[in-house]
C-alpha cells in the first residue's frame, strides 16, 4: 500500500478523476504539450542526468526527460495507479529502457539522498498536503547544485478564454462536481500566488528561485464537436439538451482553427536550485 500524507488526493486520483485522465490520456497530453518546451528549456536536462518527474501522470514528460538524459535515466512518480498503468504501457511500447515509475506520494517517499540531478514537474506539484515538507523532501533527493523546474497554473482570470468557456459549461450542465473533483480543483490553485511559491521554496531550502509567466494555447479538441465530447465526458450519462449544446458549441467556435480548438491559458514557470 502506498504511504500518503494526503488520502483525499489519493482517493481522487485513484478514483473517477484519475480514471478520466487515464482514459483520455492523449487529450490531456495534447492540452498540456504547449508548456513542454518552456519546462525542459528551464530544466536543461543533459545526457547522463538522473531526472525525477513528480506527478508524472501518464508519463509523457518522463519519456521526454528519459530521451534527453540518455544514457542517464528518468523516474516518474505519481500517486495515481490508473495513470501509472498507462505510463508503463506507453513506455514499453516506445521501447524506452531508461524510464521507470513509482507509485508514491512524493511528500513522504524516501527517495535516495542526493539521488537526482534534476527534478521536473508539469503541473504535478500543487497537490501536496504540506508544500514546505514536500519541497524539503525533494531538495533532499537532489544533489547539491541540482535543479528544480516546474509549471503550475496562474490564477484563472474571470475574463480569460478558458474561464469563460468552462464557466459556461458548468452552468449548462447544472451539476455540482463530486468531492474527488472538488479536491483536485482546489489543489490546482494552491501555488498560483508567486509570493507563496517563493516563500515555500525558500522555506524548503532552495535558492535562486525564479517565477516567470508563460502563456500557452491549450488544445481542447480537434474541432468543436470533439471539444464538446471531451467536456461532456467529465459528466457521463448527462447529455445536454439541444439548445444548451448549441450554446456551448457557439462559445467554442471562435477558438476553432485548423490545428484544433485552442484557448489561451497562463502558467508560472518556476526554477530553483538546491544549494
Protein backbone atom coordinates (compact mmCIF):
# COMPACT_ATOMS: atom_id res chain seq x y z
CA UNK A 1 0.00 0.00 0.00
CA UNK A 2 1.30 3.47 -0.91
CA UNK A 3 2.10 5.64 2.11
CA UNK A 4 0.48 9.04 1.65
CA UNK A 5 0.15 12.26 3.60
CA UNK A 6 -2.90 13.21 1.56
CA UNK A 7 -5.57 10.49 1.44
CA UNK A 8 -8.10 12.84 -0.13
CA UNK A 9 -5.94 13.37 -3.20
CA UNK A 10 -5.07 9.68 -3.30
CA UNK A 11 -8.79 8.88 -3.41
CA UNK A 12 -9.40 11.41 -6.18
CA UNK A 13 -6.54 10.28 -8.41
CA UNK A 14 -7.26 6.59 -7.91
CA UNK A 15 -10.98 7.18 -8.45
CA UNK A 16 -13.04 8.99 -11.09
CA UNK A 17 -10.56 11.85 -11.62
CA UNK A 18 -7.57 9.56 -12.25
CA UNK A 19 -9.65 7.18 -14.37
CA UNK A 20 -10.84 10.05 -16.57
CA UNK A 21 -7.29 11.31 -17.07
CA UNK A 22 -6.06 7.79 -17.89
CA UNK A 23 -8.93 7.16 -20.32
CA UNK A 24 -8.32 10.48 -22.08
CA UNK A 25 -4.53 10.43 -21.86
CA UNK A 26 -3.98 11.62 -25.43
CA UNK A 27 -6.33 14.57 -24.97
CA UNK A 28 -4.72 15.72 -21.73
CA UNK A 29 -1.22 15.33 -23.17
CA UNK A 30 -2.22 17.43 -26.18
CA UNK A 31 -3.78 20.04 -23.91
CA UNK A 32 -0.61 20.38 -21.81
CA UNK A 33 2.00 19.97 -24.56
CA UNK A 34 2.34 23.72 -25.03
CA UNK A 35 4.41 24.05 -21.85
CA UNK A 36 6.91 21.28 -22.67
CA UNK A 37 9.44 23.48 -24.46
CA UNK A 38 9.47 26.06 -21.66
CA UNK A 39 9.69 23.41 -18.95
CA UNK A 40 12.54 21.43 -20.45
CA UNK A 41 14.33 24.55 -21.62
CA UNK A 42 14.43 25.68 -17.99
CA UNK A 43 15.30 22.22 -16.65
CA UNK A 44 18.30 21.92 -19.00
CA UNK A 45 18.38 18.12 -18.78
CA UNK A 46 21.73 16.91 -20.12
CA UNK A 47 22.98 13.49 -21.26
CA UNK A 48 23.80 11.38 -18.23
CA UNK A 49 21.45 13.24 -15.86
CA UNK A 50 19.29 11.48 -13.31
CA UNK A 51 15.82 13.04 -13.55
CA UNK A 52 12.87 12.81 -11.15
CA UNK A 53 9.47 13.68 -12.67
CA UNK A 54 6.97 14.45 -9.89
CA UNK A 55 3.28 13.98 -10.60
CA UNK A 56 4.25 12.32 -13.86
CA UNK A 57 0.72 11.18 -14.69
CA UNK A 58 0.70 9.06 -17.84
CA UNK A 59 4.42 9.59 -18.27
CA UNK A 60 4.68 11.94 -21.28
CA UNK A 61 7.18 14.21 -19.52
CA UNK A 62 9.06 11.27 -18.05
CA UNK A 63 9.63 9.92 -21.54
CA UNK A 64 10.84 13.32 -22.78
CA UNK A 65 13.22 13.51 -19.83
CA UNK A 66 14.50 9.98 -20.45
CA UNK A 67 15.35 10.78 -24.06
CA UNK A 68 17.14 13.98 -23.09
CA UNK A 69 19.01 12.30 -20.24
CA UNK A 70 20.21 9.17 -22.08
CA UNK A 71 22.46 7.42 -21.14
CA UNK A 72 21.13 8.68 -17.81
CA UNK A 73 17.63 7.84 -16.64
CA UNK A 74 14.28 9.30 -15.58
CA UNK A 75 11.98 8.17 -12.78
CA UNK A 76 8.34 9.22 -12.80
CA UNK A 77 6.46 9.26 -9.52
CA UNK A 78 2.71 9.65 -9.10
CA UNK A 79 0.00 8.71 -6.64
CA UNK A 80 -2.41 7.51 -9.36
CA UNK A 81 -2.30 3.81 -10.20
CA UNK A 82 -4.51 4.21 -13.34
CA UNK A 83 -2.20 6.85 -14.77
CA UNK A 84 0.95 4.89 -13.96
CA UNK A 85 -0.50 1.86 -15.72
CA UNK A 86 -0.80 3.97 -18.87
CA UNK A 87 2.68 5.39 -18.34
CA UNK A 88 4.29 1.95 -18.14
CA UNK A 89 2.39 0.70 -21.18
CA UNK A 90 3.37 3.72 -23.30
CA UNK A 91 7.00 3.49 -22.20
CA UNK A 92 7.17 -0.19 -23.10
CA UNK A 93 5.52 0.46 -26.47
CA UNK A 94 8.12 3.12 -27.24
CA UNK A 95 10.97 0.82 -26.23
CA UNK A 96 12.43 3.20 -23.63
CA UNK A 97 14.68 1.28 -21.26
CA UNK A 98 15.87 4.26 -19.19
CA UNK A 99 12.47 5.34 -17.80
CA UNK A 100 10.83 3.81 -14.72
CA UNK A 101 7.87 4.63 -12.48
CA UNK A 102 6.98 4.50 -8.80
CA UNK A 103 3.55 4.77 -7.19
CA UNK A 104 4.26 7.07 -4.27
CA UNK A 105 3.42 10.34 -2.53
CA UNK A 106 6.50 12.48 -3.20
CA UNK A 107 5.91 14.43 0.02
CA UNK A 108 6.85 11.46 2.19
CA UNK A 109 8.52 8.93 -0.12
CA UNK A 110 12.11 8.11 0.84
CA UNK A 111 13.98 8.96 -2.33
CA UNK A 112 17.71 8.22 -2.33
CA UNK A 113 19.54 11.19 -0.82
CA UNK A 114 21.35 13.23 -3.48
CA UNK A 115 19.96 10.72 -5.98
CA UNK A 116 18.91 13.10 -8.77
CA UNK A 117 20.42 15.93 -10.81
CA UNK A 118 17.11 17.44 -11.91
CA UNK A 119 13.52 17.46 -10.60
CA UNK A 120 10.80 18.41 -13.08
CA UNK A 121 7.03 18.57 -12.94
CA UNK A 122 4.36 19.58 -15.45
CA UNK A 123 1.51 20.63 -13.20
CA UNK A 124 2.01 17.97 -10.53
CA UNK A 125 3.35 19.88 -7.51
CA UNK A 126 0.18 21.64 -6.37
CA UNK A 127 -1.45 18.62 -4.75
CA UNK A 128 0.67 18.13 -1.63
CA UNK A 129 -0.86 18.28 1.83
CA UNK A 130 2.18 20.23 3.11
CA UNK A 131 4.09 22.03 0.37
CA UNK A 132 7.08 23.00 2.51
CA UNK A 133 7.54 19.44 3.73
CA UNK A 134 7.19 18.13 0.19
CA UNK A 135 9.73 20.51 -1.33
CA UNK A 136 12.10 19.81 1.54
CA UNK A 137 11.86 16.12 0.68
CA UNK A 138 12.54 16.88 -2.98
CA UNK A 139 15.52 19.05 -2.03
CA UNK A 140 16.92 16.10 -0.10
CA UNK A 141 16.53 13.95 -3.23
CA UNK A 142 18.54 16.44 -5.32
CA UNK A 143 22.32 16.55 -5.26
CA UNK A 144 23.89 19.84 -4.16
CA UNK A 145 23.60 22.18 -7.13
CA UNK A 146 20.72 20.15 -8.52
CA UNK A 147 17.94 21.94 -10.41
CA UNK A 148 14.19 22.14 -9.89
CA UNK A 149 11.89 23.23 -12.73
CA UNK A 150 8.10 23.04 -12.78
CA UNK A 151 4.97 24.69 -14.10
CA UNK A 152 1.80 25.45 -12.16
CA UNK A 153 -1.36 27.40 -13.03
CA UNK A 154 -1.68 31.14 -12.73
CA UNK A 155 -4.90 32.39 -11.12
CA UNK A 156 -7.68 31.85 -13.69
CA UNK A 157 -8.86 35.35 -14.54
CA UNK A 158 -12.64 35.54 -14.79
CA UNK A 159 -12.35 37.02 -18.26
CA UNK A 160 -9.83 34.52 -19.65
CA UNK A 161 -10.84 32.37 -22.61
CA UNK A 162 -10.73 29.15 -20.61
CA UNK A 163 -12.58 30.62 -17.64
CA UNK A 164 -15.44 31.89 -19.82
CA UNK A 165 -15.84 28.62 -21.70
CA UNK A 166 -15.56 26.37 -18.66
CA UNK A 167 -17.82 28.62 -16.58
CA UNK A 168 -20.47 28.43 -19.27
CA UNK A 169 -20.11 24.66 -19.46
CA UNK A 170 -20.57 24.30 -15.70
CA UNK A 171 -23.74 26.41 -15.83
CA UNK A 172 -25.14 24.47 -18.80
CA UNK A 173 -24.52 21.08 -17.22
CA UNK A 174 -26.07 22.32 -13.99
CA UNK A 175 -24.49 19.67 -11.81
CA UNK A 176 -22.08 20.10 -8.92
CA UNK A 177 -18.82 18.11 -9.25
CA UNK A 178 -18.21 15.25 -6.84
CA UNK A 179 -15.90 15.54 -3.80
CA UNK A 180 -12.97 14.00 -5.70
CA UNK A 181 -13.17 16.62 -8.45
CA UNK A 182 -13.57 19.40 -5.87
CA UNK A 183 -10.41 18.20 -4.09
CA UNK A 184 -8.41 18.15 -7.30
CA UNK A 185 -9.60 21.56 -8.48
CA UNK A 186 -8.98 23.18 -5.10
CA UNK A 187 -5.40 21.93 -5.04
CA UNK A 188 -4.77 23.28 -8.55
CA UNK A 189 -4.80 26.84 -7.19
CA UNK A 190 -2.56 26.19 -4.18
CA UNK A 191 0.60 27.57 -5.85
CA UNK A 192 -0.99 30.25 -8.02
CA UNK A 193 0.47 33.10 -5.90
CA UNK A 194 4.14 33.75 -6.85
CA UNK A 195 4.84 35.12 -3.39
CA UNK A 196 3.70 31.87 -1.83
CA UNK A 197 5.80 29.87 -4.29
CA UNK A 198 8.94 31.80 -3.32
CA UNK A 199 8.12 31.53 0.38
CA UNK A 200 7.58 27.77 0.21
CA UNK A 201 10.70 27.06 -1.83
CA UNK A 202 12.90 29.26 0.33
CA UNK A 203 11.48 27.65 3.45
CA UNK A 204 12.30 24.22 2.00
CA UNK A 205 15.93 25.18 1.47
CA UNK A 206 16.02 26.13 -2.20
CA UNK A 207 17.82 29.19 -3.55
CA UNK A 208 17.89 31.17 -6.82
CA UNK A 209 14.09 30.92 -7.05
CA UNK A 210 12.51 32.41 -10.18
CA UNK A 211 8.83 32.60 -11.11
CA UNK A 212 8.09 33.68 -14.68
CA UNK A 213 4.76 33.89 -16.56
CA UNK A 214 4.29 31.71 -19.63
CA UNK A 215 1.30 31.98 -21.97
CA UNK A 216 0.24 28.83 -23.78
CA UNK A 217 -2.60 27.73 -26.02
CA UNK A 218 -4.32 24.69 -24.57
CA UNK A 219 -5.80 22.32 -27.16
CA UNK A 220 -9.28 21.14 -26.14
CA UNK A 221 -10.17 19.11 -29.22
CA UNK A 222 -9.62 18.52 -32.93
CA UNK A 223 -12.72 20.57 -33.69
CA UNK A 224 -15.74 21.97 -31.85
CA UNK A 225 -17.64 18.66 -31.78
CA UNK A 226 -14.58 16.86 -30.42
CA UNK A 227 -14.03 19.51 -27.73
CA UNK A 228 -17.68 19.28 -26.66
CA UNK A 229 -17.44 15.48 -26.44
CA UNK A 230 -14.38 15.85 -24.22
CA UNK A 231 -16.11 18.32 -21.89
CA UNK A 232 -19.21 16.13 -21.66
CA UNK A 233 -17.09 13.07 -20.85
CA UNK A 234 -16.50 14.62 -17.43
CA UNK A 235 -20.19 14.11 -16.70
CA UNK A 236 -21.04 10.67 -18.15
CA UNK A 237 -24.70 9.97 -18.65
CA UNK A 238 -25.67 13.65 -18.69
CA UNK A 239 -26.23 14.69 -22.32
CA UNK A 240 -27.08 18.34 -22.86
CA UNK A 241 -30.45 19.31 -24.36
CA UNK A 242 -30.13 20.53 -27.95
CA UNK A 243 -30.44 24.20 -27.03
CA UNK A 244 -27.71 24.08 -24.39
CA UNK A 245 -25.48 22.01 -26.63
CA UNK A 246 -25.79 24.64 -29.36
CA UNK A 247 -24.92 27.37 -26.85
CA UNK A 248 -21.74 25.54 -25.81
CA UNK A 249 -20.77 24.91 -29.44
CA UNK A 250 -21.24 28.60 -30.22
CA UNK A 251 -19.00 29.58 -27.31
CA UNK A 252 -16.21 27.30 -28.53
CA UNK A 253 -16.49 28.18 -32.22
CA UNK A 254 -14.35 31.38 -32.01
CA UNK A 255 -11.48 29.27 -30.68
CA UNK A 256 -11.57 26.72 -33.50
CA UNK A 257 -8.73 26.65 -36.01
CA UNK A 258 -7.11 24.27 -38.47
CA UNK A 259 -4.97 22.97 -35.60
CA UNK A 260 -7.83 22.39 -33.15
CA UNK A 261 -9.89 24.25 -30.56
CA UNK A 262 -7.31 26.36 -28.74
CA UNK A 263 -7.78 28.61 -25.72
CA UNK A 264 -5.15 30.77 -24.09
CA UNK A 265 -4.04 29.83 -20.60
CA UNK A 266 -1.37 31.17 -18.27
CA UNK A 267 1.07 29.19 -16.14
CA UNK A 268 4.02 30.01 -13.93
CA UNK A 269 7.41 28.57 -14.86
CA UNK A 270 9.32 28.09 -11.62
CA UNK A 271 13.00 27.27 -11.25
CA UNK A 272 15.20 26.84 -8.18
CA UNK A 273 18.50 25.30 -7.10
CA UNK A 274 19.47 23.16 -4.14
CA UNK A 275 22.47 24.90 -2.52
